Amino acid sequence: MTIHDPSFKEWLLNFIDTDTNLGDLSKDVKKDSTFPDSSDKNALMKYIESRTPNEVVHRTLSAAIDLYMAASETHDSFSHREPYQK
């Protein structure tokens, strides 16, 4: 059985019903048919900076990408790590 790792866009859309900046960003991305299907932080930041001057949106996207990357790294490491030791 293969586990599907979601793309950044798929991962972000999981937050669409949250009442947070991340939820707002998710709603905006869902409406934007030209939002890149990429996980490259530089490409995504360049895109969003060309779409809006809003610094809150820029910081939210940057933090979201960092969370996505951390979640991906954690997921990858579970199959290769030693058990938790107290």
PDB file of N, CA and C in Angstrom:
ATOM      1  N   MET A   1       0.847  -1.184   0.000  1.00  0.00           N
ATOM      2  CA  MET A   1       0.000   0.000   0.000  1.00  0.00           C
ATOM      3  C   MET A   1       0.888   1.242   0.000  1.00  0.00           C
ATOM      4  N   THR A   2       0.591   2.162  -0.868  1.00  0.00           N
ATOM      5  CA  THR A   2       1.344   3.392  -0.976  1.00  0.00           C
ATOM      6  C   THR A   2       0.573   4.532  -0.319  1.00  0.00           C
ATOM      7  N   ILE A   3       1.275   5.323   0.456  1.00  0.00           N
ATOM      8  CA  ILE A   3       0.664   6.487   1.087  1.00  0.00           C
ATOM      9  C   ILE A   3       0.844   7.667   0.144  1.00  0.00           C
ATOM     10  N   HIS A   4      -0.251   8.383  -0.094  1.00  0.00           N
ATOM     11  CA  HIS A   4      -0.220   9.550  -0.975  1.00  0.00           C
ATOM     12  C   HIS A   4       0.169  10.781  -0.171  1.00  0.00           C
ATOM     13  N   ASP A   5       1.262  11.416  -0.566  1.00  0.00           N
ATOM     14  CA  ASP A   5       1.644  12.688   0.043  1.00  0.00           C
ATOM     15  C   ASP A   5       0.956  13.793  -0.741  1.00  0.00           C
ATOM     16  N   PRO A   6       0.134  14.587  -0.072  1.00  0.00           N
ATOM     17  CA  PRO A   6      -0.581  15.650  -0.795  1.00  0.00           C
ATOM     18  C   PRO A   6       0.365  16.738  -1.277  1.00  0.00           C
ATOM     19  N   SER A   7       0.004  17.348  -2.386  1.00  0.00           N
ATOM     20  CA  SER A   7       0.737  18.530  -2.843  1.00  0.00           C
ATOM     21  C   SER A   7       0.463  19.655  -1.845  1.00  0.00           C
ATOM     22  N   PHE A   8       1.236  20.725  -1.942  1.00  0.00           N
ATOM     23  CA  PHE A   8       1.003  21.860  -1.056  1.00  0.00           C
ATOM     24  C   PHE A   8      -0.439  22.361  -1.184  1.00  0.00           C
ATOM     25  N   LYS A   9      -0.903  22.482  -2.417  1.00  0.00           N
ATOM     26  CA  LYS A   9      -2.256  22.991  -2.654  1.00  0.00           C
ATOM     27  C   LYS A   9      -3.303  22.052  -2.033  1.00  0.00           C
ATOM     28  N   GLU A  10      -3.143  20.748  -2.217  1.00  0.00           N
ATOM     29  CA  GLU A  10      -4.070  19.782  -1.607  1.00  0.00           C
ATOM     30  C   GLU A  10      -4.041  19.893  -0.094  1.00  0.00           C
ATOM     31  N   TRP A  11      -2.841  19.992   0.455  1.00  0.00           N
ATOM     32  CA  TRP A  11      -2.677  20.100   1.907  1.00  0.00           C
ATOM     33  C   TRP A  11      -3.348  21.367   2.427  1.00  0.00           C
ATOM     34  N   LEU A  12      -3.123  22.481   1.736  1.00  0.00           N
ATOM     35  CA  LEU A  12      -3.683  23.763   2.157  1.00  0.00           C
ATOM     36  C   LEU A  12      -5.208  23.741   2.159  1.00  0.00           C
ATOM     37  N   LEU A  13      -5.805  23.083   1.185  1.00  0.00           N
ATOM     38  CA  LEU A  13      -7.267  23.053   1.078  1.00  0.00           C
ATOM     39  C   LEU A  13      -7.923  22.330   2.249  1.00  0.00           C
ATOM     40  N   ASN A  14      -7.157  21.573   3.020  1.00  0.00           N
ATOM     41  CA  ASN A  14      -7.699  20.938   4.230  1.00  0.00           C
ATOM     42  C   ASN A  14      -8.093  21.966   5.288  1.00  0.00           C
ATOM     43  N   PHE A  15      -7.601  23.183   5.160  1.00  0.00           N
ATOM     44  CA  PHE A  15      -7.857  24.228   6.158  1.00  0.00           C
ATOM     45  C   PHE A  15      -8.989  25.172   5.736  1.00  0.00           C
ATOM     46  N   ILE A  16      -9.697  24.844   4.675  1.00  0.00           N
ATOM     47  CA  ILE A  16     -10.679  25.754   4.087  1.00  0.00           C
ATOM     48  C   ILE A  16     -11.794  26.134   5.058  1.00  0.00           C
ATOM     49  N   ASP A  17     -12.133  25.254   5.980  1.00  0.00           N
ATOM     50  CA  ASP A  17     -13.227  25.538   6.914  1.00  0.00           C
ATOM     51  C   ASP A  17     -12.760  26.098   8.249  1.00  0.00           C
ATOM     52  N   THR A  18     -11.480  26.454   8.346  1.00  0.00           N
ATOM     53  CA  THR A  18     -10.990  27.019   9.600  1.00  0.00           C
ATOM     54  C   THR A  18     -11.129  28.539   9.578  1.00  0.00           C
ATOM     55  N   ASP A  19     -11.435  29.100  10.712  1.00  0.00           N
ATOM     56  CA  ASP A  19     -11.600  30.549  10.839  1.00  0.00           C
ATOM     57  C   ASP A  19     -10.261  31.159  11.251  1.00  0.00           C
ATOM     58  N   THR A  20      -9.308  31.078  10.323  1.00  0.00           N
ATOM     59  CA  THR A  20      -7.941  31.551  10.562  1.00  0.00           C
ATOM     60  C   THR A  20      -7.408  32.186   9.281  1.00  0.00           C
ATOM     61  N   ASN A  21      -6.244  32.805   9.370  1.00  0.00           N
ATOM     62  CA  ASN A  21      -5.593  33.319   8.169  1.00  0.00           C
ATOM     63  C   ASN A  21      -5.319  32.189   7.185  1.00  0.00           C
ATOM     64  N   LEU A  22      -4.977  31.016   7.704  1.00  0.00           N
ATOM     65  CA  LEU A  22      -4.726  29.856   6.854  1.00  0.00           C
ATOM     66  C   LEU A  22      -6.001  29.436   6.118  1.00  0.00           C
ATOM     67  N   GLY A  23      -7.129  29.499   6.800  1.00  0.00           N
ATOM     68  CA  GLY A  23      -8.412  29.206   6.163  1.00  0.00           C
ATOM     69  C   GLY A  23      -8.749  30.224   5.086  1.00  0.00           C
ATOM     70  N   ASP A  24      -8.488  31.493   5.365  1.00  0.00           N
ATOM     71  CA  ASP A  24      -8.727  32.545   4.362  1.00  0.00           C
ATOM     72  C   ASP A  24      -7.848  32.332   3.132  1.00  0.00           C
ATOM     73  N   LEU A  25      -6.574  32.007   3.364  1.00  0.00           N
ATOM     74  CA  LEU A  25      -5.657  31.749   2.258  1.00  0.00           C
ATOM     75  C   LEU A  25      -6.138  30.547   1.445  1.00  0.00           C
ATOM     76  N   SER A  26      -6.587  29.530   2.126  1.00  0.00           N
ATOM     77  CA  SER A  26      -7.087  28.337   1.457  1.00  0.00           C
ATOM     78  C   SER A  26      -8.268  28.661   0.544  1.00  0.00           C
ATOM     79  N   LYS A  27      -9.177  29.477   1.028  1.00  0.00           N
ATOM     80  CA  LYS A  27     -10.334  29.892   0.214  1.00  0.00           C
ATOM     81  C   LYS A  27      -9.888  30.680  -1.017  1.00  0.00           C
ATOM     82  N   ASP A  28      -8.925  31.577  -0.827  1.00  0.00           N
ATOM     83  CA  ASP A  28      -8.413  32.369  -1.951  1.00  0.00           C
ATOM     84  C   ASP A  28      -7.731  31.480  -2.987  1.00  0.00           C
ATOM     85  N   VAL A  29      -6.948  30.515  -2.529  1.00  0.00           N
ATOM     86  CA  VAL A  29      -6.247  29.612  -3.435  1.00  0.00           C
ATOM     87  C   VAL A  29      -7.245  28.766  -4.217  1.00  0.00           C
ATOM     88  N   LYS A  30      -8.292  28.309  -3.547  1.00  0.00           N
ATOM     89  CA  LYS A  30      -9.303  27.495  -4.234  1.00  0.00           C
ATOM     90  C   LYS A  30      -9.962  28.273  -5.377  1.00  0.00           C
ATOM     91  N   LYS A  31     -10.167  29.575  -5.172  1.00  0.00           N
ATOM     92  CA  LYS A  31     -10.800  30.417  -6.200  1.00  0.00           C
ATOM     93  C   LYS A  31      -9.840  30.808  -7.320  1.00  0.00           C
ATOM     94  N   ASP A  32      -8.541  30.695  -7.081  1.00  0.00           N
ATOM     95  CA  ASP A  32      -7.530  31.150  -8.032  1.00  0.00           C
ATOM     96  C   ASP A  32      -7.083  29.993  -8.930  1.00  0.00           C
ATOM     97  N   SER A  33      -7.636  29.935 -10.123  1.00  0.00           N
ATOM     98  CA  SER A  33      -7.311  28.831 -11.042  1.00  0.00           C
ATOM     99  C   SER A  33      -5.871  28.883 -11.548  1.00  0.00           C
ATOM    100  N   THR A  34      -5.188  29.998 -11.336  1.00  0.00           N
ATOM    101  CA  THR A  34      -3.802  30.117 -11.803  1.00  0.00           C
ATOM    102  C   THR A  34      -2.771  29.912 -10.683  1.00  0.00           C
ATOM    103  N   PHE A  35      -3.244  29.606  -9.465  1.00  0.00           N
ATOM    104  CA  PHE A  35      -2.300  29.372  -8.368  1.00  0.00           C
ATOM    105  C   PHE A  35      -1.435  28.166  -8.720  1.00  0.00           C
ATOM    106  N   PRO A  36      -0.119  28.313  -8.624  1.00  0.00           N
ATOM    107  CA  PRO A  36       0.783  27.225  -9.033  1.00  0.00           C
ATOM    108  C   PRO A  36       0.589  25.944  -8.211  1.00  0.00           C
ATOM    109  N   ASP A  37       0.633  24.823  -8.884  1.00  0.00           N
ATOM    110  CA  ASP A  37       0.598  23.529  -8.198  1.00  0.00           C
ATOM    111  C   ASP A  37       2.049  23.131  -7.942  1.00  0.00           C
ATOM    112  N   SER A  38       2.633  23.781  -6.966  1.00  0.00           N
ATOM    113  CA  SER A  38       4.059  23.649  -6.674  1.00  0.00           C
ATOM    114  C   SER A  38       4.261  23.642  -5.168  1.00  0.00           C
ATOM    115  N   SER A  39       5.384  23.103  -4.744  1.00  0.00           N
ATOM    116  CA  SER A  39       5.778  23.171  -3.339  1.00  0.00           C
ATOM    117  C   SER A  39       7.024  24.026  -3.168  1.00  0.00           C
ATOM    118  N   ASP A  40       7.457  24.652  -4.251  1.00  0.00           N
ATOM    119  CA  ASP A  40       8.655  25.487  -4.224  1.00  0.00           C
ATOM    120  C   ASP A  40       8.328  26.833  -3.574  1.00  0.00           C
ATOM    121  N   LYS A  41       8.908  27.073  -2.411  1.00  0.00           N
ATOM    122  CA  LYS A  41       8.582  28.281  -1.651  1.00  0.00           C
ATOM    123  C   LYS A  41       8.887  29.547  -2.433  1.00  0.00           C
ATOM    124  N   ASN A  42      10.031  29.585  -3.103  1.00  0.00           N
ATOM    125  CA  ASN A  42      10.379  30.791  -3.856  1.00  0.00           C
ATOM    126  C   ASN A  42       9.370  31.072  -4.960  1.00  0.00           C
ATOM    127  N   ALA A  43       8.968  30.045  -5.693  1.00  0.00           N
ATOM    128  CA  ALA A  43       7.997  30.222  -6.783  1.00  0.00           C
ATOM    129  C   ALA A  43       6.648  30.670  -6.241  1.00  0.00           C
ATOM    130  N   LEU A  44       6.213  30.064  -5.138  1.00  0.00           N
ATOM    131  CA  LEU A  44       4.911  30.423  -4.565  1.00  0.00           C
ATOM    132  C   LEU A  44       4.926  31.842  -3.999  1.00  0.00           C
ATOM    133  N   MET A  45       6.019  32.211  -3.335  1.00  0.00           N
ATOM    134  CA  MET A  45       6.115  33.568  -2.784  1.00  0.00           C
ATOM    135  C   MET A  45       6.161  34.602  -3.903  1.00  0.00           C
ATOM    136  N   LYS A  46       6.906  34.319  -4.945  1.00  0.00           N
ATOM    137  CA  LYS A  46       6.978  35.239  -6.080  1.00  0.00           C
ATOM    138  C   LYS A  46       5.580  35.416  -6.691  1.00  0.00           C
ATOM    139  N   TYR A  47       4.855  34.315  -6.826  1.00  0.00           N
ATOM    140  CA  TYR A  47       3.504  34.379  -7.387  1.00  0.00           C
ATOM    141  C   TYR A  47       2.595  35.244  -6.516  1.00  0.00           C
ATOM    142  N   ILE A  48       2.561  34.970  -5.215  1.00  0.00           N
ATOM    143  CA  ILE A  48       1.625  35.683  -4.334  1.00  0.00           C
ATOM    144  C   ILE A  48       2.002  37.155  -4.226  1.00  0.00           C
ATOM    145  N   GLU A  49       3.293  37.449  -4.245  1.00  0.00           N
ATOM    146  CA  GLU A  49       3.733  38.847  -4.182  1.00  0.00           C
ATOM    147  C   GLU A  49       3.336  39.610  -5.447  1.00  0.00           C
ATOM    148  N   SER A  50       3.211  38.898  -6.564  1.00  0.00           N
ATOM    149  CA  SER A  50       2.770  39.549  -7.798  1.00  0.00           C
ATOM    150  C   SER A  50       1.253  39.743  -7.826  1.00  0.00           C
ATOM    151  N   ARG A  51       0.540  39.020  -6.953  1.00  0.00           N
ATOM    152  CA  ARG A  51      -0.917  39.087  -6.931  1.00  0.00           C
ATOM    153  C   ARG A  51      -1.473  40.068  -5.904  1.00  0.00           C
ATOM    154  N   THR A  52      -0.735  40.266  -4.806  1.00  0.00           N
ATOM    155  CA  THR A  52      -1.228  41.148  -3.743  1.00  0.00           C
ATOM    156  C   THR A  52      -0.061  41.776  -2.982  1.00  0.00           C
ATOM    157  N   PRO A  53      -0.218  43.041  -2.590  1.00  0.00           N
ATOM    158  CA  PRO A  53       0.816  43.675  -1.765  1.00  0.00           C
ATOM    159  C   PRO A  53       0.605  43.396  -0.266  1.00  0.00           C
ATOM    160  N   ASN A  54      -0.434  42.663   0.082  1.00  0.00           N
ATOM    161  CA  ASN A  54      -0.818  42.435   1.472  1.00  0.00           C
ATOM    162  C   ASN A  54       0.224  41.573   2.196  1.00  0.00           C
ATOM    163  N   GLU A  55       0.917  42.190   3.158  1.00  0.00           N
ATOM    164  CA  GLU A  55       1.973  41.499   3.904  1.00  0.00           C
ATOM    165  C   GLU A  55       1.436  40.358   4.764  1.00  0.00           C
ATOM    166  N   VAL A  56       0.206  40.464   5.231  1.00  0.00           N
ATOM    167  CA  VAL A  56      -0.379  39.377   6.028  1.00  0.00           C
ATOM    168  C   VAL A  56      -0.523  38.126   5.156  1.00  0.00           C
ATOM    169  N   VAL A  57      -0.948  38.313   3.925  1.00  0.00           N
ATOM    170  CA  VAL A  57      -1.069  37.188   2.997  1.00  0.00           C
ATOM    171  C   VAL A  57       0.315  36.597   2.734  1.00  0.00           C
ATOM    172  N   HIS A  58       1.310  37.439   2.545  1.00  0.00           N
ATOM    173  CA  HIS A  58       2.676  36.966   2.292  1.00  0.00           C
ATOM    174  C   HIS A  58       3.186  36.140   3.479  1.00  0.00           C
ATOM    175  N   ARG A  59       2.996  36.663   4.693  1.00  0.00           N
ATOM    176  CA  ARG A  59       3.470  35.948   5.885  1.00  0.00           C
ATOM    177  C   ARG A  59       2.689  34.654   6.100  1.00  0.00           C
ATOM    178  N   THR A  60       1.391  34.689   5.819  1.00  0.00           N
ATOM    179  CA  THR A  60       0.564  33.491   5.988  1.00  0.00           C
ATOM    180  C   THR A  60       1.002  32.397   5.021  1.00  0.00           C
ATOM    181  N   LEU A  61       1.243  32.768   3.766  1.00  0.00           N
ATOM    182  CA  LEU A  61       1.691  31.779   2.796  1.00  0.00           C
ATOM    183  C   LEU A  61       3.063  31.228   3.196  1.00  0.00           C
ATOM    184  N   SER A  62       3.959  32.083   3.597  1.00  0.00           N
ATOM    185  CA  SER A  62       5.293  31.639   4.000  1.00  0.00           C
ATOM    186  C   SER A  62       5.203  30.645   5.163  1.00  0.00           C
ATOM    187  N   ALA A  63       4.404  30.975   6.169  1.00  0.00           N
ATOM    188  CA  ALA A  63       4.234  30.080   7.319  1.00  0.00           C
ATOM    189  C   ALA A  63       3.565  28.769   6.909  1.00  0.00           C
ATOM    190  N   ALA A  64       2.589  28.853   6.014  1.00  0.00           N
ATOM    191  CA  ALA A  64       1.894  27.648   5.546  1.00  0.00           C
ATOM    192  C   ALA A  64       2.863  26.715   4.829  1.00  0.00           C
ATOM    193  N   ILE A  65       3.715  27.269   3.994  1.00  0.00           N
ATOM    194  CA  ILE A  65       4.696  26.441   3.280  1.00  0.00           C
ATOM    195  C   ILE A  65       5.647  25.785   4.280  1.00  0.00           C
ATOM    196  N   ASP A  66       6.080  26.543   5.287  1.00  0.00           N
ATOM    197  CA  ASP A  66       6.964  25.984   6.313  1.00  0.00           C
ATOM    198  C   ASP A  66       6.278  24.842   7.064  1.00  0.00           C
ATOM    199  N   LEU A  67       5.001  25.016   7.406  1.00  0.00           N
ATOM    200  CA  LEU A  67       4.249  23.952   8.087  1.00  0.00           C
ATOM    201  C   LEU A  67       4.114  22.722   7.202  1.00  0.00           C
ATOM    202  N   TYR A  68       3.813  22.942   5.939  1.00  0.00           N
ATOM    203  CA  TYR A  68       3.685  21.846   4.987  1.00  0.00           C
ATOM    204  C   TYR A  68       4.998  21.068   4.891  1.00  0.00           C
ATOM    205  N   MET A  69       6.102  21.791   4.765  1.00  0.00           N
ATOM    206  CA  MET A  69       7.408  21.137   4.666  1.00  0.00           C
ATOM    207  C   MET A  69       7.736  20.362   5.949  1.00  0.00           C
ATOM    208  N   ALA A  70       7.440  20.948   7.094  1.00  0.00           N
ATOM    209  CA  ALA A  70       7.693  20.266   8.365  1.00  0.00           C
ATOM    210  C   ALA A  70       6.849  19.002   8.473  1.00  0.00           C
ATOM    211  N   ALA A  71       5.594  19.076   8.056  1.00  0.00           N
ATOM    212  CA  ALA A  71       4.713  17.900   8.095  1.00  0.00           C
ATOM    213  C   ALA A  71       5.223  16.827   7.143  1.00  0.00           C
ATOM    214  N   SER A  72       5.700  17.226   5.984  1.00  0.00           N
ATOM    215  CA  SER A  72       6.232  16.268   5.018  1.00  0.00           C
ATOM    216  C   SER A  72       7.493  15.599   5.552  1.00  0.00           C
ATOM    217  N   GLU A  73       8.365  16.376   6.171  1.00  0.00           N
ATOM    218  CA  GLU A  73       9.592  15.821   6.742  1.00  0.00           C
ATOM    219  C   GLU A  73       9.271  14.866   7.878  1.00  0.00           C
ATOM    220  N   THR A  74       8.295  15.210   8.706  1.00  0.00           N
ATOM    221  CA  THR A  74       7.897  14.354   9.811  1.00  0.00           C
ATOM    222  C   THR A  74       7.325  13.057   9.278  1.00  0.00           C
ATOM    223  N   HIS A  75       6.466  13.145   8.268  1.00  0.00           N
ATOM    224  CA  HIS A  75       5.865  11.955   7.669  1.00  0.00           C
ATOM    225  C   HIS A  75       6.951  11.044   7.119  1.00  0.00           C
ATOM    226  N   ASP A  76       7.907  11.607   6.412  1.00  0.00           N
ATOM    227  CA  ASP A  76       8.997  10.818   5.833  1.00  0.00           C
ATOM    228  C   ASP A  76       9.845  10.163   6.920  1.00  0.00           C
ATOM    229  N   SER A  77      10.050  10.870   8.008  1.00  0.00           N
ATOM    230  CA  SER A  77      10.948  10.358   9.040  1.00  0.00           C
ATOM    231  C   SER A  77      10.316   9.255   9.879  1.00  0.00           C
ATOM    232  N   PHE A  78       8.998   9.148   9.931  1.00  0.00           N
ATOM    233  CA  PHE A  78       8.364   8.124  10.757  1.00  0.00           C
ATOM    234  C   PHE A  78       8.754   6.719  10.321  1.00  0.00           C
ATOM    235  N   SER A  79       8.929   6.499   9.056  1.00  0.00           N
ATOM    236  CA  SER A  79       9.263   5.163   8.602  1.00  0.00           C
ATOM    237  C   SER A  79      10.753   4.847   8.766  1.00  0.00           C
ATOM    238  N   HIS A  80      11.555   5.852   9.105  1.00  0.00           N
ATOM    239  CA  HIS A  80      12.997   5.648   9.192  1.00  0.00           C
ATOM    240  C   HIS A  80      13.574   6.018  10.549  1.00  0.00           C
ATOM    241  N   ARG A  81      12.748   6.250  11.530  1.00  0.00           N
ATOM    242  CA  ARG A  81      13.295   6.719  12.800  1.00  0.00           C
ATOM    243  C   ARG A  81      13.259   5.632  13.853  1.00  0.00           C
ATOM    244  N   GLU A  82      14.029   5.847  14.880  1.00  0.00           N
ATOM    245  CA  GLU A  82      14.038   4.934  15.997  1.00  0.00           C
ATOM    246  C   GLU A  82      12.823   5.245  16.872  1.00  0.00           C
ATOM    247  N   PRO A  83      12.315   4.244  17.576  1.00  0.00           N
ATOM    248  CA  PRO A  83      11.162   4.495  18.458  1.00  0.00           C
ATOM    249  C   PRO A  83      11.501   5.536  19.522  1.00  0.00           C
ATOM    250  N   TYR A  84      10.481   6.243  19.975  1.00  0.00           N
ATOM    251  CA  TYR A  84      10.644   7.238  21.031  1.00  0.00           C
ATOM    252  C   TYR A  84      11.124   6.556  22.300  1.00  0.00           C
ATOM    253  N   GLN A  85      12.130   7.117  22.913  1.00  0.00           N
ATOM    254  CA  GLN A  85      12.681   6.566  24.144  1.00  0.00           C
ATOM    255  C   GLN A  85      12.518   7.582  25.262  1.00  0.00           C
ATOM    256  N   LYS A  86      12.017   7.153  26.403  1.00  0.00           N
ATOM    257  CA  LYS A  86      11.906   8.039  27.565  1.00  0.00           C
ATOM    258  C   LYS A  86      13.207   8.085  28.303  1.00  0.00           C
TER     259      LYS A  86
END
